[in-house]
Amino acid sequence: MARPDAIASPRDGFRFEYDPGVVRFGSGSAAELVDELDRQGIERALVVCGSTVGSTPDVIDPVTEGLGDRLAGVFAETTPEKRLATAYDGLDAVSEHDADALVALGGGSSLDVATLISALSADDRDPEAVGRELADTSSITVPDGDLLPVVGVPTTLAGADLSAVAGVTASPDSGLVEPDDVPAGTDAVGGGVSDPRLMPAATVYDPELFATTPERVLAASAMNGFDKGVETLYASNATPVTDATAARGLGLLADGLRRLGDEGPTAEVLEPVVEGILLVQYGISRPGETTLSVIHAFGHGLTRTSDVQQGAAHAVIAPHALRYLFERVDARRDLLADALGAPDAADPAEAVVDAVTEVRDALGLPARLRDVDGPEPEAFPQVAEEIVADSFIANAPPGLAVRAEEIEAVLREAY
């Protein structure tokens, strides 16, 4: 893959604002939850999770036992749709159990719902008014005031844990939005909530809990997290801080995810993988900005217009999206190749594409859009428009002009 003449210019300076919560890492660290809550001044925590996690002893028991007498109750009703109505049900559970904090256990959906509950905890508006704002603006304002603190206990590898952002949807059957509010071809209004105060107060990374997650779920989520590291290096707002954490994290993931595919999910295998996921997301969600970029814009466009799962979308599209970038701009290919274990590659761009493809294949993830619940070719023009309009395109590598017809061509290549 030939290097273009025009490459990204060196950065003259940067500003890095990032205020993550406490991080606890290590096998068995769920047992330290009561100590962390004590340090945070939390008296009674409500566990927020999905029904499967809430009914699986290998996952829920270490957390409830680790909370000890700080356990207020369990709200096991989150779903992948991240419904606003579910967050209001969770807020009712907070009152019912007299909780002063939330412990988000599971994947990104549970963390997002817990974050929504936190955002709503200081909002005295009627739920219908909040739904109206979501329908009108695709966002929800976080009011001034104290918010319920959130402690994250992730069990998947998507890398959405050190974030002050959450996704949210609302369907007409909830009574919070009207049928006319729902975009054509979808069944719900979608949007997000963002505020620096929504960053988890603490996040506990316990590889033993990750090992309880089904391998297919881990594999799909891992591709999403892995791509966060790739994008953080080539994003237009990359910094030396995120260069360091993302590069180190990618090195751990490039080896660790291959091993995960070969040996399966054990705590020993997952320890460097979880460490890598922690590092690639460090600093990517900052006040008013993120380093998520073109691959995630593809993921959004595909999942908004079809039933394809986010991890599967990333698995299919990442190699093709990277080729598209490297044919047009430098996209820091040398740094990426170095991070992915090919510092002396004659063609760094090809080495990066090959490394990403090898990780995907080692995880047993799909390679073609036609093999997943994705859009058919006749829908590609609409999908391409969604991708170009996605907010993450603003973080594309310097010098890249994203055009819908080129994005459509990438989708066709991936099909």
Protein backbone atom coordinates (compact mmCIF):
# COMPACT_ATOMS: atom_id res chain seq x y z
CA MET A 1 0.00 0.00 0.00
CA ALA A 2 1.78 3.11 -1.21
CA ARG A 3 2.33 6.03 1.16
CA PRO A 4 0.54 9.22 0.01
CA ASP A 5 2.66 12.33 -0.51
CA ALA A 6 0.65 14.38 1.99
CA ILE A 7 0.99 13.24 5.58
CA ALA A 8 -0.24 14.62 8.87
CA SER A 9 1.86 17.51 10.14
CA PRO A 10 3.46 17.34 13.60
CA ARG A 11 1.36 18.68 16.46
CA ASP A 12 2.44 22.11 17.70
CA GLY A 13 0.80 21.72 21.09
CA PHE A 14 -2.07 20.12 22.93
CA ARG A 15 -4.42 20.44 25.89
CA PHE A 16 -5.35 17.31 27.81
CA GLU A 17 -8.20 17.48 30.32
CA TYR A 18 -9.15 14.17 31.86
CA ASP A 19 -10.32 13.30 35.35
CA PRO A 20 -10.98 9.57 35.72
CA GLY A 21 -12.05 7.94 38.94
CA VAL A 22 -10.13 5.41 40.97
CA VAL A 23 -9.02 2.25 39.14
CA ARG A 24 -8.71 -1.11 40.91
CA PHE A 25 -7.24 -3.96 38.91
CA GLY A 26 -6.50 -7.60 39.60
CA SER A 27 -7.96 -11.07 39.87
CA GLY A 28 -10.28 -11.25 42.85
CA SER A 29 -10.55 -7.47 43.15
CA ALA A 30 -14.37 -7.68 43.37
CA ALA A 31 -13.77 -8.73 46.96
CA GLU A 32 -12.35 -5.24 47.57
CA LEU A 33 -15.60 -3.46 46.72
CA VAL A 34 -16.55 -2.86 50.34
CA ASP A 35 -13.16 -1.22 50.95
CA GLU A 36 -13.57 1.01 47.89
CA LEU A 37 -17.08 2.05 48.88
CA ASP A 38 -15.77 2.85 52.35
CA ARG A 39 -13.06 5.05 50.83
CA GLN A 40 -15.70 6.76 48.65
CA GLY A 41 -17.98 7.39 51.63
CA ILE A 42 -20.74 5.22 50.15
CA GLU A 43 -23.13 3.57 52.59
CA ARG A 44 -25.63 1.63 50.44
CA ALA A 45 -25.08 0.61 46.81
CA LEU A 46 -27.67 -0.64 44.33
CA VAL A 47 -26.24 -3.13 41.83
CA VAL A 48 -27.42 -2.35 38.28
CA CYS A 49 -27.16 -5.23 35.80
CA GLY A 50 -29.02 -7.28 33.22
CA SER A 51 -31.24 -10.23 34.04
CA THR A 52 -28.68 -12.80 32.85
CA VAL A 53 -25.91 -11.35 35.00
CA GLY A 54 -28.29 -10.98 37.92
CA SER A 55 -29.23 -14.67 37.77
CA THR A 56 -25.72 -16.05 37.16
CA PRO A 57 -24.08 -16.88 40.51
CA ASP A 58 -20.53 -16.87 39.12
CA VAL A 59 -20.96 -13.20 38.20
CA ILE A 60 -23.33 -11.70 40.73
CA ASP A 61 -22.18 -13.52 43.86
CA PRO A 62 -18.59 -12.20 43.97
CA VAL A 63 -19.97 -8.67 43.66
CA THR A 64 -22.74 -8.95 46.26
CA GLU A 65 -20.33 -10.73 48.61
CA GLY A 66 -17.68 -8.09 47.94
CA LEU A 67 -20.16 -5.35 48.85
CA GLY A 68 -21.00 -7.02 52.14
CA ASP A 69 -23.22 -4.87 54.32
CA ARG A 70 -22.99 -2.03 51.77
CA LEU A 71 -25.32 -3.95 49.42
CA ALA A 72 -28.68 -2.16 49.22
CA GLY A 73 -30.25 -4.36 46.54
CA VAL A 74 -30.04 -5.54 42.94
CA PHE A 75 -31.79 -3.95 39.95
CA ALA A 76 -31.41 -6.61 37.23
CA GLU A 77 -33.44 -5.02 34.42
CA THR A 78 -30.99 -3.40 32.00
CA THR A 79 -31.17 -4.30 28.30
CA PRO A 80 -28.99 -3.57 25.25
CA GLU A 81 -31.50 -0.91 24.18
CA LYS A 82 -30.52 1.34 27.14
CA ARG A 83 -34.10 2.56 27.51
CA LEU A 84 -34.87 5.82 29.29
CA ALA A 85 -37.85 4.06 30.88
CA THR A 86 -35.48 1.47 32.38
CA ALA A 87 -33.41 4.25 33.93
CA TYR A 88 -36.55 5.67 35.54
CA ASP A 89 -37.39 2.21 36.90
CA GLY A 90 -33.86 2.09 38.29
CA LEU A 91 -34.35 5.49 39.90
CA ASP A 92 -37.44 4.12 41.63
CA ALA A 93 -35.34 1.18 42.84
CA VAL A 94 -32.81 3.64 44.29
CA SER A 95 -35.59 5.17 46.41
CA GLU A 96 -37.06 1.80 47.32
CA HIS A 97 -33.71 0.50 48.58
CA ASP A 98 -32.54 3.83 50.04
CA ALA A 99 -29.31 3.62 48.03
CA ASP A 100 -26.73 6.39 47.83
CA ALA A 101 -24.69 4.93 44.96
CA LEU A 102 -24.84 2.56 41.99
CA VAL A 103 -22.63 -0.39 41.12
CA ALA A 104 -22.84 -1.05 37.36
CA LEU A 105 -22.09 -4.71 36.72
CA GLY A 106 -21.78 -6.25 33.24
CA GLY A 107 -21.37 -4.78 29.77
CA GLY A 108 -21.68 -1.29 28.37
CA SER A 109 -25.47 -1.35 28.50
CA SER A 110 -25.56 -1.72 32.28
CA LEU A 111 -22.93 1.00 32.72
CA ASP A 112 -24.92 3.31 30.43
CA VAL A 113 -28.18 2.69 32.29
CA ALA A 114 -26.46 3.29 35.63
CA THR A 115 -25.02 6.50 34.22
CA LEU A 116 -28.50 7.56 33.09
CA ILE A 117 -29.90 6.84 36.55
CA SER A 118 -27.16 9.03 37.98
CA ALA A 119 -27.97 11.84 35.54
CA LEU A 120 -31.69 11.63 36.35
CA SER A 121 -31.08 11.56 40.11
CA ALA A 122 -30.72 15.36 40.18
CA ASP A 123 -33.42 16.10 37.58
CA ASP A 124 -36.76 17.21 39.00
CA ARG A 125 -38.51 17.47 35.63
CA ASP A 126 -41.38 15.19 34.69
CA PRO A 127 -40.18 12.14 32.73
CA GLU A 128 -42.26 13.29 29.75
CA ALA A 129 -40.30 16.57 29.64
CA VAL A 130 -37.03 14.63 29.63
CA GLY A 131 -38.35 12.44 26.81
CA ARG A 132 -39.36 15.54 24.90
CA GLU A 133 -35.85 16.94 25.20
CA LEU A 134 -34.36 13.64 24.00
CA ALA A 135 -36.68 13.61 20.98
CA ASP A 136 -35.96 17.25 20.13
CA THR A 137 -32.20 17.39 20.74
CA SER A 138 -30.95 13.76 20.84
CA SER A 139 -29.55 14.52 24.27
CA ILE A 140 -30.55 14.97 27.91
CA THR A 141 -29.33 17.90 29.99
CA VAL A 142 -27.61 16.97 33.24
CA PRO A 143 -28.77 19.50 35.85
CA ASP A 144 -26.63 21.13 38.50
CA GLY A 145 -26.53 19.35 41.81
CA ASP A 146 -25.15 16.22 43.36
CA LEU A 147 -25.40 13.06 41.27
CA LEU A 148 -25.46 9.49 42.50
CA PRO A 149 -21.91 8.13 42.22
CA VAL A 150 -21.35 5.13 39.98
CA VAL A 151 -18.83 2.34 40.57
CA GLY A 152 -18.20 0.32 37.41
CA VAL A 153 -17.53 -3.43 37.46
CA PRO A 154 -17.20 -4.34 33.75
CA THR A 155 -17.35 -7.90 32.45
CA THR A 156 -16.95 -7.27 28.70
CA LEU A 157 -14.09 -5.80 26.67
CA ALA A 158 -15.72 -2.95 24.72
CA GLY A 159 -13.76 -0.35 26.66
CA ALA A 160 -16.60 1.99 27.62
CA ASP A 161 -15.82 2.10 31.33
CA LEU A 162 -13.72 5.25 31.82
CA SER A 163 -16.29 7.48 30.16
CA ALA A 164 -18.56 10.37 31.09
CA VAL A 165 -20.94 9.59 28.21
CA ALA A 166 -23.90 7.22 27.96
CA GLY A 167 -26.26 6.24 25.17
CA VAL A 168 -30.03 6.26 25.63
CA THR A 169 -33.15 5.36 23.64
CA ALA A 170 -36.86 5.85 24.18
CA SER A 171 -39.72 4.11 22.39
CA PRO A 172 -43.30 5.38 22.06
CA ASP A 173 -44.70 2.50 24.10
CA SER A 174 -42.94 3.97 27.16
CA GLY A 175 -45.09 7.09 26.93
CA LEU A 176 -41.95 9.25 27.05
CA VAL A 177 -41.85 10.06 23.31
CA GLU A 178 -44.45 10.25 20.57
CA PRO A 179 -44.65 7.92 17.54
CA ASP A 180 -43.98 10.89 15.24
CA ASP A 181 -40.67 11.46 17.03
CA VAL A 182 -39.22 8.14 15.90
CA PRO A 183 -37.03 8.31 12.76
CA ALA A 184 -38.18 6.28 9.77
CA GLY A 185 -36.91 2.73 9.77
CA THR A 186 -36.32 2.61 13.52
CA ASP A 187 -38.45 1.85 16.58
CA ALA A 188 -37.04 4.35 19.05
CA VAL A 189 -35.59 7.81 19.54
CA GLY A 190 -31.86 7.68 20.24
CA GLY A 191 -29.31 10.00 21.76
CA GLY A 192 -26.88 10.43 24.59
CA VAL A 193 -26.01 12.15 27.83
CA SER A 194 -22.64 13.64 28.66
CA ASP A 195 -21.16 15.46 31.62
CA PRO A 196 -17.75 15.25 33.34
CA ARG A 197 -19.55 14.49 36.62
CA LEU A 198 -20.81 11.22 35.11
CA MET A 199 -17.34 9.68 35.10
CA PRO A 200 -17.43 6.60 37.39
CA ALA A 201 -16.14 7.35 40.87
CA ALA A 202 -14.26 4.06 40.69
CA THR A 203 -13.90 1.17 38.26
CA VAL A 204 -12.97 -2.35 39.37
CA TYR A 205 -11.34 -4.60 36.77
CA ASP A 206 -11.44 -8.22 37.92
CA PRO A 207 -10.23 -10.71 35.26
CA GLU A 208 -12.03 -13.52 37.14
CA LEU A 209 -15.35 -11.80 36.41
CA PHE A 210 -14.47 -11.25 32.75
CA ALA A 211 -13.78 -15.00 32.52
CA THR A 212 -17.44 -15.71 33.39
CA THR A 213 -18.64 -13.97 30.21
CA PRO A 214 -19.40 -16.24 27.22
CA GLU A 215 -16.46 -16.34 24.81
CA ARG A 216 -18.51 -15.14 21.83
CA VAL A 217 -19.61 -12.06 23.80
CA LEU A 218 -16.06 -11.34 24.92
CA ALA A 219 -14.74 -11.72 21.38
CA ALA A 220 -17.22 -9.29 19.85
CA SER A 221 -16.75 -6.72 22.60
CA ALA A 222 -12.96 -7.08 22.34
CA MET A 223 -12.97 -5.97 18.71
CA ASN A 224 -14.80 -2.80 19.72
CA GLY A 225 -12.27 -2.10 22.47
CA PHE A 226 -9.31 -2.96 20.24
CA ASP A 227 -10.52 -0.49 17.61
CA LYS A 228 -10.64 2.24 20.25
CA GLY A 229 -6.89 1.92 20.61
CA VAL A 230 -6.35 1.98 16.84
CA GLU A 231 -8.48 5.08 16.42
CA THR A 232 -6.98 6.91 19.37
CA LEU A 233 -3.58 6.87 17.64
CA TYR A 234 -4.80 8.32 14.33
CA ALA A 235 -7.56 10.66 15.60
CA SER A 236 -7.07 14.35 14.82
CA ASN A 237 -7.14 15.18 18.55
CA ALA A 238 -4.64 12.56 19.68
CA THR A 239 -2.21 13.66 22.37
CA PRO A 240 1.14 12.32 23.62
CA VAL A 241 -0.70 11.05 26.69
CA THR A 242 -3.19 8.99 24.71
CA ASP A 243 -0.44 7.95 22.28
CA ALA A 244 1.39 6.34 25.18
CA THR A 245 -1.57 4.57 26.76
CA ALA A 246 -3.14 3.45 23.47
CA ALA A 247 0.14 2.16 22.04
CA ARG A 248 0.92 0.15 25.17
CA GLY A 249 -2.65 -1.14 25.30
CA LEU A 250 -2.61 -2.18 21.64
CA GLY A 251 0.57 -4.15 22.19
CA LEU A 252 -1.03 -6.07 25.03
CA LEU A 253 -4.21 -6.65 23.01
CA ALA A 254 -2.51 -7.73 19.79
CA ASP A 255 -0.88 -10.62 21.64
CA GLY A 256 -3.54 -11.20 24.29
CA LEU A 257 -6.51 -11.39 21.92
CA ARG A 258 -4.74 -13.95 19.75
CA ARG A 259 -4.13 -16.01 22.87
CA LEU A 260 -7.76 -15.55 23.92
CA GLY A 261 -8.84 -16.99 20.58
CA ASP A 262 -6.48 -19.95 20.96
CA GLU A 263 -6.92 -20.80 24.65
CA GLY A 264 -10.32 -19.40 25.62
CA PRO A 265 -11.26 -17.08 28.47
CA THR A 266 -9.46 -17.83 31.72
CA ALA A 267 -8.41 -15.27 34.31
CA GLU A 268 -4.76 -15.86 33.40
CA VAL A 269 -5.36 -15.33 29.68
CA LEU A 270 -7.58 -12.31 30.29
CA GLU A 271 -5.33 -10.43 32.70
CA PRO A 272 -3.18 -8.74 30.00
CA VAL A 273 -6.25 -8.32 27.79
CA VAL A 274 -8.17 -6.47 30.49
CA GLU A 275 -5.07 -4.37 31.19
CA GLY A 276 -4.89 -3.52 27.48
CA ILE A 277 -8.56 -2.54 27.36
CA LEU A 278 -8.05 -0.31 30.40
CA LEU A 279 -5.13 1.44 28.72
CA VAL A 280 -6.60 1.98 25.24
CA GLN A 281 -9.61 3.79 26.68
CA TYR A 282 -7.65 5.95 29.12
CA GLY A 283 -8.20 9.55 28.10
CA ILE A 284 -10.37 8.90 25.04
CA SER A 285 -13.53 10.33 26.63
CA ARG A 286 -12.68 13.88 27.67
CA PRO A 287 -14.85 16.94 28.38
CA GLY A 288 -16.30 18.00 25.05
CA GLU A 289 -14.29 15.57 22.92
CA THR A 290 -13.39 11.97 22.19
CA THR A 291 -10.76 10.21 20.09
CA LEU A 292 -13.31 7.80 18.58
CA SER A 293 -13.21 8.27 14.83
CA VAL A 294 -13.91 6.71 11.44
CA ILE A 295 -14.24 3.01 12.40
CA HIS A 296 -16.72 3.87 15.15
CA ALA A 297 -18.64 6.09 12.73
CA PHE A 298 -18.95 3.04 10.45
CA GLY A 299 -20.13 1.01 13.45
CA HIS A 300 -22.78 3.58 14.30
CA GLY A 301 -24.02 3.83 10.73
CA LEU A 302 -24.32 0.06 10.41
CA THR A 303 -26.04 -0.54 13.76
CA ARG A 304 -28.48 2.35 13.29
CA THR A 305 -29.68 1.04 9.94
CA SER A 306 -29.65 -2.73 10.53
CA ASP A 307 -29.67 -5.41 13.21
CA VAL A 308 -25.92 -6.06 13.07
CA GLN A 309 -24.26 -6.27 16.49
CA GLN A 310 -21.69 -3.55 17.23
CA GLY A 311 -18.75 -5.93 17.71
CA ALA A 312 -19.57 -7.81 14.51
CA ALA A 313 -19.78 -4.51 12.63
CA HIS A 314 -16.33 -3.54 13.89
CA ALA A 315 -14.88 -6.94 13.01
CA VAL A 316 -16.10 -6.74 9.44
CA ILE A 317 -15.37 -3.13 8.70
CA ALA A 318 -12.06 -2.35 10.49
CA PRO A 319 -9.62 -3.74 7.88
CA HIS A 320 -11.55 -2.12 5.01
CA ALA A 321 -11.85 1.22 6.81
CA LEU A 322 -8.12 1.23 7.52
CA ARG A 323 -7.28 0.55 3.87
CA TYR A 324 -9.57 3.44 2.93
CA LEU A 325 -7.68 5.74 5.34
CA PHE A 326 -4.19 4.64 4.33
CA GLU A 327 -4.93 5.16 0.63
CA ARG A 328 -5.68 8.82 1.35
CA VAL A 329 -3.70 10.00 4.38
CA ASP A 330 -0.79 8.91 6.54
CA ALA A 331 -3.04 8.13 9.57
CA ARG A 332 0.12 7.61 11.69
CA ARG A 333 0.75 4.22 10.15
CA ASP A 334 4.30 3.99 11.52
CA LEU A 335 3.14 4.46 15.11
CA LEU A 336 0.32 1.97 14.59
CA ALA A 337 2.63 -0.62 13.07
CA ASP A 338 5.07 -0.19 15.95
CA ALA A 339 2.29 -0.60 18.52
CA LEU A 340 0.98 -3.72 16.78
CA GLY A 341 4.37 -5.44 16.77
CA ALA A 342 5.66 -4.60 13.27
CA PRO A 343 8.11 -1.71 13.82
CA ASP A 344 10.35 -2.65 10.88
CA ALA A 345 7.64 -3.43 8.32
CA ALA A 346 8.54 -2.44 4.77
CA ASP A 347 4.93 -1.32 4.29
CA PRO A 348 3.56 -0.15 7.66
CA ALA A 349 0.03 0.34 6.29
CA GLU A 350 -0.20 -3.25 5.09
CA ALA A 351 1.27 -4.45 8.37
CA VAL A 352 -1.43 -2.64 10.33
CA VAL A 353 -4.23 -4.02 8.18
CA ASP A 354 -2.76 -7.51 8.46
CA ALA A 355 -2.43 -7.28 12.26
CA VAL A 356 -6.04 -6.11 12.70
CA THR A 357 -7.24 -8.86 10.37
CA GLU A 358 -5.26 -11.48 12.29
CA VAL A 359 -6.80 -10.39 15.60
CA ARG A 360 -10.29 -10.53 14.11
CA ASP A 361 -9.71 -13.99 12.66
CA ALA A 362 -8.13 -15.30 15.87
CA LEU A 363 -11.29 -14.27 17.72
CA GLY A 364 -13.45 -16.14 15.21
CA LEU A 365 -15.36 -13.01 14.22
CA PRO A 366 -17.14 -12.50 10.88
CA ALA A 367 -15.26 -11.05 7.92
CA ARG A 368 -18.09 -10.07 5.52
CA LEU A 369 -21.22 -7.96 5.84
CA ARG A 370 -23.21 -10.61 4.01
CA ASP A 371 -22.50 -13.03 6.89
CA VAL A 372 -24.04 -10.85 9.61
CA ASP A 373 -27.41 -9.16 10.10
CA GLY A 374 -26.21 -6.13 8.21
CA PRO A 375 -27.69 -4.04 5.42
CA GLU A 376 -28.06 -5.29 1.85
CA PRO A 377 -26.25 -3.41 -0.95
CA GLU A 378 -29.35 -1.46 -1.96
CA ALA A 379 -29.26 0.22 1.47
CA PHE A 380 -25.59 1.23 1.26
CA PRO A 381 -26.23 4.79 0.05
CA GLN A 382 -28.38 5.47 3.13
CA VAL A 383 -25.85 3.81 5.43
CA ALA A 384 -23.05 5.86 3.88
CA GLU A 385 -24.95 9.08 4.54
CA GLU A 386 -25.43 8.03 8.18
CA ILE A 387 -21.71 7.37 8.51
CA VAL A 388 -20.68 10.69 6.97
CA ALA A 389 -23.11 12.52 9.27
CA ASP A 390 -21.84 10.77 12.41
CA SER A 391 -20.19 13.12 14.91
CA PHE A 392 -17.10 10.89 15.18
CA ILE A 393 -16.13 11.74 11.58
CA ALA A 394 -14.97 15.10 12.95
CA ASN A 395 -12.05 13.23 14.56
CA ALA A 396 -10.84 11.73 11.26
CA PRO A 397 -7.09 11.89 10.60
CA PRO A 398 -5.82 15.28 9.40
CA GLY A 399 -6.22 15.78 5.67
CA LEU A 400 -9.05 13.29 5.16
CA ALA A 401 -12.14 14.54 3.34
CA VAL A 402 -14.86 11.95 3.93
CA ARG A 403 -17.22 11.52 0.97
CA ALA A 404 -20.37 9.42 0.93
CA GLU A 405 -19.57 7.75 -2.39
CA GLU A 406 -16.21 6.56 -1.04
CA ILE A 407 -17.81 5.27 2.14
CA GLU A 408 -20.35 3.39 0.03
CA ALA A 409 -17.46 1.81 -1.88
CA VAL A 410 -15.93 0.62 1.40
CA LEU A 411 -19.24 -0.99 2.36
CA ARG A 412 -19.37 -2.78 -0.98
CA GLU A 413 -15.83 -4.08 -0.50
CA ALA A 414 -16.80 -5.33 2.96
CA TYR A 415 -19.88 -7.08 1.64
